[in-house]
Structure formats: C-alpha cells, structure tokens
PDB file of N, CA and C in Angstrom:
ATOM      1  N   MET A   1       6.470 -15.249   1.615  1.00  0.00           N
ATOM      2  CA  MET A   1       7.404 -14.920   2.458  1.00  0.00           C
ATOM      3  C   MET A   1       6.301 -13.076   2.440  1.00  0.00           C
ATOM      4  N   GLU A   2       7.289 -11.797   3.408  1.00  0.00           N
ATOM      5  CA  GLU A   2       6.667 -10.654   4.011  1.00  0.00           C
ATOM      6  C   GLU A   2       7.562 -10.146   2.963  1.00  0.00           C
ATOM      7  N   GLU A   3       6.510  -8.832   2.413  1.00  0.00           N
ATOM      8  CA  GLU A   3       7.500  -7.606   1.577  1.00  0.00           C
ATOM      9  C   GLU A   3       8.378  -7.559   2.098  1.00  0.00           C
ATOM     10  N   SER A   4       8.737  -6.888   3.273  1.00  0.00           N
ATOM     11  CA  SER A   4      10.201  -6.368   4.028  1.00  0.00           C
ATOM     12  C   SER A   4      11.205  -7.189   3.957  1.00  0.00           C
ATOM     13  N   ASP A   5      10.659  -9.085   4.188  1.00  0.00           N
ATOM     14  CA  ASP A   5      11.862 -10.242   3.929  1.00  0.00           C
ATOM     15  C   ASP A   5      12.402 -10.236   2.470  1.00  0.00           C
ATOM     16  N   GLN A   6      11.164  -9.632   1.510  1.00  0.00           N
ATOM     17  CA  GLN A   6      11.699 -10.166   0.230  1.00  0.00           C
ATOM     18  C   GLN A   6      13.064  -8.944  -0.146  1.00  0.00           C
ATOM     19  N   GLN A   7      11.957  -7.839   0.468  1.00  0.00           N
ATOM     20  CA  GLN A   7      12.982  -6.709   0.000  1.00  0.00           C
ATOM     21  C   GLN A   7      14.442  -6.111   1.268  1.00  0.00           C
ATOM     22  N   ILE A   8      14.793  -6.546   1.749  1.00  0.00           N
ATOM     23  CA  ILE A   8      15.760  -6.495   2.953  1.00  0.00           C
ATOM     24  C   ILE A   8      17.291  -8.259   1.912  1.00  0.00           C
ATOM     25  N   LEU A   9      15.948  -9.588   1.731  1.00  0.00           N
ATOM     26  CA  LEU A   9      16.896 -10.201   0.952  1.00  0.00           C
ATOM     27  C   LEU A   9      17.600 -10.215  -0.298  1.00  0.00           C
ATOM     28  N   THR A  10      16.549  -9.552  -1.102  1.00  0.00           N
ATOM     29  CA  THR A  10      17.251  -8.399  -2.529  1.00  0.00           C
ATOM     30  C   THR A  10      18.001  -8.074  -2.312  1.00  0.00           C
ATOM     31  N   ALA A  11      18.149  -6.488  -1.259  1.00  0.00           N
ATOM     32  CA  ALA A  11      19.482  -5.779  -1.388  1.00  0.00           C
ATOM     33  C   ALA A  11      20.455  -6.388  -0.987  1.00  0.00           C
ATOM     34  N   ALA A  12      20.698  -7.278  -0.082  1.00  0.00           N
ATOM     35  CA  ALA A  12      21.759  -8.238   0.827  1.00  0.00           C
ATOM     36  C   ALA A  12      22.088  -8.610  -0.711  1.00  0.00           C
ATOM     37  N   VAL A  13      21.843  -9.721  -1.692  1.00  0.00           N
ATOM     38  CA  VAL A  13      22.108 -10.183  -3.078  1.00  0.00           C
ATOM     39  C   VAL A  13      23.303  -8.974  -3.643  1.00  0.00           C
ATOM     40  N   MET A  14      22.450  -8.099  -3.620  1.00  0.00           N
ATOM     41  CA  MET A  14      22.583  -7.039  -4.562  1.00  0.00           C
ATOM     42  C   MET A  14      24.061  -6.427  -4.041  1.00  0.00           C
ATOM     43  N   ARG A  15      23.888  -5.997  -2.607  1.00  0.00           N
ATOM     44  CA  ARG A  15      25.319  -5.797  -2.202  1.00  0.00           C
ATOM     45  C   ARG A  15      26.388  -7.032  -2.021  1.00  0.00           C
ATOM     46  N   GLU A  16      26.145  -8.219  -2.388  1.00  0.00           N
ATOM     47  CA  GLU A  16      26.677  -8.912  -2.011  1.00  0.00           C
ATOM     48  C   GLU A  16      27.769  -9.089  -3.306  1.00  0.00           C
ATOM     49  N   VAL A  17      26.654  -8.965  -4.240  1.00  0.00           N
ATOM     50  CA  VAL A  17      27.325  -9.319  -5.472  1.00  0.00           C
ATOM     51  C   VAL A  17      28.492  -7.943  -6.448  1.00  0.00           C
ATOM     52  N   GLY A  18      27.332  -6.334  -5.708  1.00  0.00           N
ATOM     53  CA  GLY A  18      28.485  -5.406  -6.318  1.00  0.00           C
ATOM     54  C   GLY A  18      27.794  -4.720  -7.430  1.00  0.00           C
ATOM     55  N   LEU A  19      26.236  -4.620  -7.373  1.00  0.00           N
ATOM     56  CA  LEU A  19      25.735  -4.490  -8.611  1.00  0.00           C
ATOM     57  C   LEU A  19      25.294  -3.102  -8.044  1.00  0.00           C
ATOM     58  N   SER A  20      24.873  -2.743  -9.394  1.00  0.00           N
ATOM     59  CA  SER A  20      24.120  -0.541  -8.793  1.00  0.00           C
ATOM     60  C   SER A  20      22.694  -0.868  -9.868  1.00  0.00           C
ATOM     61  N   VAL A  21      22.247  -0.128  -8.612  1.00  0.00           N
ATOM     62  CA  VAL A  21      21.001  -0.423  -9.213  1.00  0.00           C
ATOM     63  C   VAL A  21      20.402   0.417 -10.592  1.00  0.00           C
ATOM     64  N   PRO A  22      21.701   0.948 -11.649  1.00  0.00           N
ATOM     65  CA  PRO A  22      21.206   1.386 -12.885  1.00  0.00           C
ATOM     66  C   PRO A  22      20.873  -0.050 -13.628  1.00  0.00           C
ATOM     67  N   VAL A  23      22.422  -0.662 -13.181  1.00  0.00           N
ATOM     68  CA  VAL A  23      22.193  -1.789 -14.735  1.00  0.00           C
ATOM     69  C   VAL A  23      20.989  -2.594 -14.063  1.00  0.00           C
ATOM     70  N   LEU A  24      20.809  -2.531 -12.994  1.00  0.00           N
ATOM     71  CA  LEU A  24      19.436  -3.963 -12.662  1.00  0.00           C
ATOM     72  C   LEU A  24      18.625  -3.388 -12.783  1.00  0.00           C
ATOM     73  N   TRP A  25      18.710  -2.170 -12.858  1.00  0.00           N
ATOM     74  CA  TRP A  25      16.806  -1.221 -13.896  1.00  0.00           C
ATOM     75  C   TRP A  25      17.123  -1.489 -14.645  1.00  0.00           C
ATOM     76  N   VAL A  26      17.687  -0.955 -16.232  1.00  0.00           N
ATOM     77  CA  VAL A  26      17.907  -1.301 -17.002  1.00  0.00           C
ATOM     78  C   VAL A  26      17.574  -3.120 -17.326  1.00  0.00           C
ATOM     79  N   HIS A  27      18.318  -3.937 -16.751  1.00  0.00           N
ATOM     80  CA  HIS A  27      17.286  -5.335 -17.122  1.00  0.00           C
ATOM     81  C   HIS A  27      15.982  -5.290 -16.861  1.00  0.00           C
ATOM     82  N   TYR A  28      15.894  -4.553 -15.224  1.00  0.00           N
ATOM     83  CA  TYR A  28      14.642  -5.466 -15.056  1.00  0.00           C
ATOM     84  C   TYR A  28      13.072  -4.728 -15.923  1.00  0.00           C
ATOM     85  N   LEU A  29      13.295  -3.696 -17.130  1.00  0.00           N
ATOM     86  CA  LEU A  29      12.826  -2.942 -17.777  1.00  0.00           C
ATOM     87  C   LEU A  29      12.872  -3.768 -19.083  1.00  0.00           C
ATOM     88  N   SER A  30      13.688  -4.516 -19.142  1.00  0.00           N
ATOM     89  CA  SER A  30      14.028  -5.230 -19.793  1.00  0.00           C
ATOM     90  C   SER A  30      13.246  -6.362 -20.511  1.00  0.00           C
ATOM     91  N   ILE A  31      13.014  -7.277 -18.884  1.00  0.00           N
ATOM     92  CA  ILE A  31      11.954  -7.933 -18.545  1.00  0.00           C
ATOM     93  C   ILE A  31      10.681  -7.952 -18.361  1.00  0.00           C
ATOM     94  N   GLY A  32      10.209  -6.321 -18.263  1.00  0.00           N
ATOM     95  CA  GLY A  32       8.875  -6.245 -18.511  1.00  0.00           C
ATOM     96  C   GLY A  32       8.294  -5.293 -17.089  1.00  0.00           C
ATOM     97  N   GLY A  33       9.469  -5.363 -17.060  1.00  0.00           N
ATOM     98  CA  GLY A  33       9.413  -3.353 -15.607  1.00  0.00           C
ATOM     99  C   GLY A  33       8.575  -2.780 -15.670  1.00  0.00           C
ATOM    100  N   SER A  34       7.663  -1.884 -15.001  1.00  0.00           N
ATOM    101  CA  SER A  34       6.913  -0.591 -15.307  1.00  0.00           C
ATOM    102  C   SER A  34       7.590   0.820 -14.062  1.00  0.00           C
ATOM    103  N   GLU A  35       8.337   0.156 -13.495  1.00  0.00           N
ATOM    104  CA  GLU A  35       8.416   1.548 -12.612  1.00  0.00           C
ATOM    105  C   GLU A  35      10.083   2.430 -12.978  1.00  0.00           C
ATOM    106  N   MET A  36       9.622   3.777 -12.730  1.00  0.00           N
ATOM    107  CA  MET A  36      11.233   4.363 -12.970  1.00  0.00           C
ATOM    108  C   MET A  36      12.293   3.893 -12.087  1.00  0.00           C
ATOM    109  N   ALA A  37      13.120   4.662 -12.364  1.00  0.00           N
ATOM    110  CA  ALA A  37      13.990   4.593 -11.455  1.00  0.00           C
ATOM    111  C   ALA A  37      14.012   4.551 -10.234  1.00  0.00           C
ATOM    112  N   ASN A  38      14.181   5.859  -9.558  1.00  0.00           N
ATOM    113  CA  ASN A  38      13.921   6.477  -8.501  1.00  0.00           C
ATOM    114  C   ASN A  38      13.066   5.058  -7.237  1.00  0.00           C
ATOM    115  N   PRO A  39      11.632   5.090  -7.890  1.00  0.00           N
ATOM    116  CA  PRO A  39      10.949   4.213  -6.900  1.00  0.00           C
ATOM    117  C   PRO A  39      11.608   2.946  -6.467  1.00  0.00           C
ATOM    118  N   VAL A  40      12.472   1.668  -8.175  1.00  0.00           N
ATOM    119  CA  VAL A  40      13.200   0.932  -7.655  1.00  0.00           C
ATOM    120  C   VAL A  40      14.895   0.965  -6.464  1.00  0.00           C
ATOM    121  N   ALA A  41      15.057   2.374  -7.006  1.00  0.00           N
ATOM    122  CA  ALA A  41      16.172   2.962  -5.550  1.00  0.00           C
ATOM    123  C   ALA A  41      15.419   2.792  -4.399  1.00  0.00           C
ATOM    124  N   ALA A  42      14.641   3.092  -4.340  1.00  0.00           N
ATOM    125  CA  ALA A  42      13.814   3.612  -3.148  1.00  0.00           C
ATOM    126  C   ALA A  42      13.380   1.983  -2.349  1.00  0.00           C
ATOM    127  N   TYR A  43      13.079   1.440  -2.824  1.00  0.00           N
ATOM    128  CA  TYR A  43      12.863   0.299  -2.228  1.00  0.00           C
ATOM    129  C   TYR A  43      13.759  -1.085  -2.614  1.00  0.00           C
ATOM    130  N   LEU A  44      14.598  -1.274  -2.575  1.00  0.00           N
ATOM    131  CA  LEU A  44      16.035  -1.952  -2.485  1.00  0.00           C
ATOM    132  C   LEU A  44      16.577  -0.931  -1.165  1.00  0.00           C
ATOM    133  N   ASP A  45      16.497   0.465  -1.013  1.00  0.00           N
ATOM    134  CA  ASP A  45      17.201   1.040   0.126  1.00  0.00           C
ATOM    135  C   ASP A  45      16.483   0.810   1.080  1.00  0.00           C
ATOM    136  N   GLY A  46      15.248   0.507   0.861  1.00  0.00           N
ATOM    137  CA  GLY A  46      14.543  -0.261   2.238  1.00  0.00           C
ATOM    138  C   GLY A  46      13.675   1.434   2.338  1.00  0.00           C
ATOM    139  N   PHE A  47      13.188   1.923   1.339  1.00  0.00           N
ATOM    140  CA  PHE A  47      12.244   3.099   1.744  1.00  0.00           C
ATOM    141  C   PHE A  47      10.847   3.469   1.155  1.00  0.00           C
ATOM    142  N   GLY A  48      11.204   2.570   0.520  1.00  0.00           N
ATOM    143  CA  GLY A  48       9.807   1.808  -0.848  1.00  0.00           C
ATOM    144  C   GLY A  48       8.990   0.915  -0.805  1.00  0.00           C
ATOM    145  N   VAL A  49       7.916   0.867  -1.323  1.00  0.00           N
ATOM    146  CA  VAL A  49       7.059   0.044  -1.453  1.00  0.00           C
ATOM    147  C   VAL A  49       6.860  -0.355  -2.909  1.00  0.00           C
ATOM    148  N   LEU A  50       6.616  -1.591  -3.415  1.00  0.00           N
ATOM    149  CA  LEU A  50       6.313  -2.040  -4.530  1.00  0.00           C
ATOM    150  C   LEU A  50       5.306  -2.883  -4.275  1.00  0.00           C
ATOM    151  N   PRO A  51       4.445  -3.170  -5.760  1.00  0.00           N
ATOM    152  CA  PRO A  51       3.633  -4.173  -6.221  1.00  0.00           C
ATOM    153  C   PRO A  51       4.635  -5.517  -6.064  1.00  0.00           C
ATOM    154  N   THR A  52       3.896  -6.435  -5.907  1.00  0.00           N
ATOM    155  CA  THR A  52       4.145  -8.072  -5.574  1.00  0.00           C
ATOM    156  C   THR A  52       4.680  -8.799  -7.150  1.00  0.00           C
ATOM    157  N   GLU A  53       4.621  -7.889  -7.990  1.00  0.00           N
ATOM    158  CA  GLU A  53       4.403  -7.876  -9.215  1.00  0.00           C
ATOM    159  C   GLU A  53       5.729  -7.305  -9.658  1.00  0.00           C
ATOM    160  N   GLU A  54       6.008  -5.877  -9.589  1.00  0.00           N
ATOM    161  CA  GLU A  54       7.381  -5.497  -9.823  1.00  0.00           C
ATOM    162  C   GLU A  54       8.156  -5.655  -8.437  1.00  0.00           C
ATOM    163  N   ARG A  55       7.843  -6.027  -7.670  1.00  0.00           N
ATOM    164  CA  ARG A  55       8.928  -6.549  -7.334  1.00  0.00           C
ATOM    165  C   ARG A  55      10.027  -8.273  -6.801  1.00  0.00           C
ATOM    166  N   ASP A  56       8.563  -9.051  -7.730  1.00  0.00           N
ATOM    167  CA  ASP A  56       9.501 -10.287  -8.243  1.00  0.00           C
ATOM    168  C   ASP A  56      10.189 -10.265 -10.035  1.00  0.00           C
ATOM    169  N   LEU A  57       9.136  -8.807 -10.485  1.00  0.00           N
ATOM    170  CA  LEU A  57      10.152  -8.592 -11.410  1.00  0.00           C
ATOM    171  C   LEU A  57      11.749  -7.623 -11.129  1.00  0.00           C
ATOM    172  N   ILE A  58      12.017  -7.331  -9.858  1.00  0.00           N
ATOM    173  CA  ILE A  58      13.627  -7.676  -9.468  1.00  0.00           C
ATOM    174  C   ILE A  58      14.217  -8.288  -9.024  1.00  0.00           C
ATOM    175  N   SER A  59      13.642  -9.551  -8.741  1.00  0.00           N
ATOM    176  CA  SER A  59      14.433 -10.026  -7.720  1.00  0.00           C
ATOM    177  C   SER A  59      14.979 -11.034  -9.519  1.00  0.00           C
ATOM    178  N   GLN A  60      13.841 -11.481 -10.252  1.00  0.00           N
ATOM    179  CA  GLN A  60      13.849 -11.881 -11.436  1.00  0.00           C
ATOM    180  C   GLN A  60      15.367 -11.595 -12.222  1.00  0.00           C
ATOM    181  N   ALA A  61      14.723 -10.072 -12.351  1.00  0.00           N
ATOM    182  CA  ALA A  61      16.287  -9.450 -12.694  1.00  0.00           C
ATOM    183  C   ALA A  61      17.543  -9.847 -12.409  1.00  0.00           C
ATOM    184  N   LEU A  62      18.021  -9.896 -10.945  1.00  0.00           N
ATOM    185  CA  LEU A  62      18.940  -9.864 -10.229  1.00  0.00           C
ATOM    186  C   LEU A  62      19.355 -11.425 -10.786  1.00  0.00           C
ATOM    187  N   ASN A  63      18.342 -12.214 -10.110  1.00  0.00           N
ATOM    188  CA  ASN A  63      19.191 -13.689 -10.186  1.00  0.00           C
ATOM    189  C   ASN A  63      19.409 -13.781 -11.603  1.00  0.00           C
ATOM    190  N   GLU A  64      18.920 -13.284 -12.920  1.00  0.00           N
ATOM    191  CA  GLU A  64      19.733 -13.347 -14.395  1.00  0.00           C
ATOM    192  C   GLU A  64      20.766 -12.722 -14.398  1.00  0.00           C
ATOM    193  N   LEU A  65      20.908 -11.747 -13.722  1.00  0.00           N
ATOM    194  CA  LEU A  65      22.318 -10.900 -13.572  1.00  0.00           C
ATOM    195  C   LEU A  65      23.169 -11.825 -13.498  1.00  0.00           C
ATOM    196  N   ILE A  66      22.976 -12.548 -12.205  1.00  0.00           N
ATOM    197  CA  ILE A  66      24.101 -12.879 -11.800  1.00  0.00           C
ATOM    198  C   ILE A  66      23.761 -14.386 -11.632  1.00  0.00           C
ATOM    199  N   MET A  67      23.380 -14.933 -12.634  1.00  0.00           N
ATOM    200  CA  MET A  67      23.591 -16.204 -13.053  1.00  0.00           C
ATOM    201  C   MET A  67      24.784 -17.663 -13.012  1.00  0.00           C
ATOM    202  N   ASP A  68      25.839 -16.532 -13.312  1.00  0.00           N
ATOM    203  CA  ASP A  68      26.973 -17.080 -13.599  1.00  0.00           C
ATOM    204  C   ASP A  68      27.719 -17.331 -12.862  1.00  0.00           C
ATOM    205  N   VAL A  69      27.004 -17.265 -11.250  1.00  0.00           N
ATOM    206  CA  VAL A  69      27.892 -16.958 -10.157  1.00  0.00           C
ATOM    207  C   VAL A  69      27.239 -17.950  -9.406  1.00  0.00           C
ATOM    208  N   PRO A  70      28.052 -18.929  -9.793  1.00  0.00           N
ATOM    209  CA  PRO A  70      28.166 -20.647  -8.915  1.00  0.00           C
ATOM    210  C   PRO A  70      27.695 -20.843  -7.519  1.00  0.00           C
ATOM    211  N   TRP A  71      28.044 -19.808  -6.775  1.00  0.00           N
ATOM    212  CA  TRP A  71      28.306 -19.624  -5.098  1.00  0.00           C
ATOM    213  C   TRP A  71      26.830 -18.447  -4.629  1.00  0.00           C
ATOM    214  N   MET A  72      26.639 -17.321  -5.826  1.00  0.00           N
ATOM    215  CA  MET A  72      25.719 -16.385  -5.265  1.00  0.00           C
ATOM    216  C   MET A  72      23.617 -16.618  -4.666  1.00  0.00           C
ATOM    217  N   PRO A  73      23.863 -16.781  -3.350  1.00  0.00           N
ATOM    218  CA  PRO A  73      22.295 -17.261  -3.673  1.00  0.00           C
ATOM    219  C   PRO A  73      21.658 -16.538  -4.225  1.00  0.00           C
ATOM    220  N   GLN A  74      20.284 -16.541  -4.788  1.00  0.00           N
ATOM    221  CA  GLN A  74      19.092 -15.943  -4.819  1.00  0.00           C
ATOM    222  C   GLN A  74      18.843 -15.238  -4.730  1.00  0.00           C
ATOM    223  N   ALA A  75      18.290 -14.069  -5.172  1.00  0.00           N
ATOM    224  CA  ALA A  75      17.066 -12.998  -4.952  1.00  0.00           C
ATOM    225  C   ALA A  75      15.463 -13.994  -4.501  1.00  0.00           C
ATOM    226  N   PRO A  76      15.166 -13.861  -3.466  1.00  0.00           N
ATOM    227  CA  PRO A  76      13.805 -14.692  -3.328  1.00  0.00           C
ATOM    228  C   PRO A  76      12.052 -13.431  -4.145  1.00  0.00           C
ATOM    229  N   HIS A  77      11.824 -14.391  -4.323  1.00  0.00           N
ATOM    230  CA  HIS A  77      10.632 -13.925  -4.404  1.00  0.00           C
ATOM    231  C   HIS A  77       8.881 -13.923  -3.389  1.00  0.00           C
ATOM    232  N   SER A  78       8.454 -13.668  -3.981  1.00  0.00           N
ATOM    233  CA  SER A  78       7.185 -13.508  -3.005  1.00  0.00           C
ATOM    234  C   SER A  78       6.856 -14.994  -2.404  1.00  0.00           C
ATOM    235  N   GLY A  79       6.980 -15.642  -3.491  1.00  0.00           N
ATOM    236  CA  GLY A  79       5.914 -16.820  -3.166  1.00  0.00           C
ATOM    237  C   GLY A  79       6.748 -17.806  -2.351  1.00  0.00           C
ATOM    238  N   THR A  80       8.259 -17.077  -2.146  1.00  0.00           N
ATOM    239  CA  THR A  80       9.507 -18.390  -2.487  1.00  0.00           C
ATOM    240  C   THR A  80       9.102 -17.926   0.087  1.00  0.00           C
ATOM    241  N   PRO A  81       9.199 -19.142   0.615  1.00  0.00           N
ATOM    242  CA  PRO A  81       9.005 -19.605   1.857  1.00  0.00           C
ATOM    243  C   PRO A  81      10.976 -19.315   2.571  1.00  0.00           C
ATOM    244  N   LEU A  82      10.185 -18.720   4.015  1.00  0.00           N
ATOM    245  CA  LEU A  82      11.181 -18.673   4.181  1.00  0.00           C
ATOM    246  C   LEU A  82      11.654 -19.552   5.444  1.00  0.00           C
ATOM    247  N   ALA A  83      12.791 -20.094   5.669  1.00  0.00           N
ATOM    248  CA  ALA A  83      13.192 -21.369   6.937  1.00  0.00           C
ATOM    249  C   ALA A  83      12.390 -21.389   7.997  1.00  0.00           C
ATOM    250  N   THR A  84      11.457 -20.128   8.091  1.00  0.00           N
ATOM    251  CA  THR A  84      11.572 -20.063   9.633  1.00  0.00           C
ATOM    252  C   THR A  84       9.779 -20.252   9.445  1.00  0.00           C
ATOM    253  N   GLU A  85       9.159 -20.479   8.134  1.00  0.00           N
ATOM    254  CA  GLU A  85       7.622 -20.726   7.945  1.00  0.00           C
ATOM    255  C   GLU A  85       8.001 -21.893   7.188  1.00  0.00           C
ATOM    256  N   PRO A  86       6.396 -22.266   7.185  1.00  0.00           N
ATOM    257  CA  PRO A  86       6.332 -23.787   7.124  1.00  0.00           C
ATOM    258  C   PRO A  86       5.957 -24.071   5.606  1.00  0.00           C
ATOM    259  N   GLY A  87       6.533 -25.004   4.732  1.00  0.00           N
ATOM    260  CA  GLY A  87       6.422 -25.494   3.579  1.00  0.00           C
ATOM    261  C   GLY A  87       5.235 -25.459   3.426  1.00  0.00           C
ATOM    262  N   PRO A  88       4.286 -25.840   2.534  1.00  0.00           N
ATOM    263  CA  PRO A  88       3.195 -26.584   1.587  1.00  0.00           C
ATOM    264  C   PRO A  88       2.543 -27.905   2.354  1.00  0.00           C
TER     265      PRO A  88
END
C-alpha cells in the first residue's frame, strides 16, 4: 500500500470514530511508538510523513482502540493491499 493511501484511510477511520489525536498518540506510545505528538498530528492531517514502522504502529494503536466497535473498518497497515492492487 502506498504511504498516502495508508495515511488517508487511517485518518478517515479516526474521523469516523471521532477519536482525538492525543488519545491515539498516548496509546501509540504505549505500544512502542517513538514520534512526538506534532509529527503524528501532521501525518494524520495529511501534512507529514512518517517511517513505515511508525505508520504501522499508528494503525495498530487505532485498531486496538476501536476493536470493540464491530462495524468500524480497520486502519490499514503498510502491507495491506488496496482492492485495486493485485493480491499475492
């Protein structure tokens, strides 16, 4: 998955569930994330780039926070194919 696709889809899930950046950021740090809050917020707003590992940790943190909402789509990881991409 392209970085921009992951960024857009992750931000869309955050908006859909109404989760704030500070809540996500604290959980992201608790699972091993290392970026400060401002770069994470910039990434989620579409103005910043992060390394693949950090993007995947943000997606993981978001998915963990919303796992109790069964109808909510999951934030994608970098290795998640888009529907338009050929599968393995």
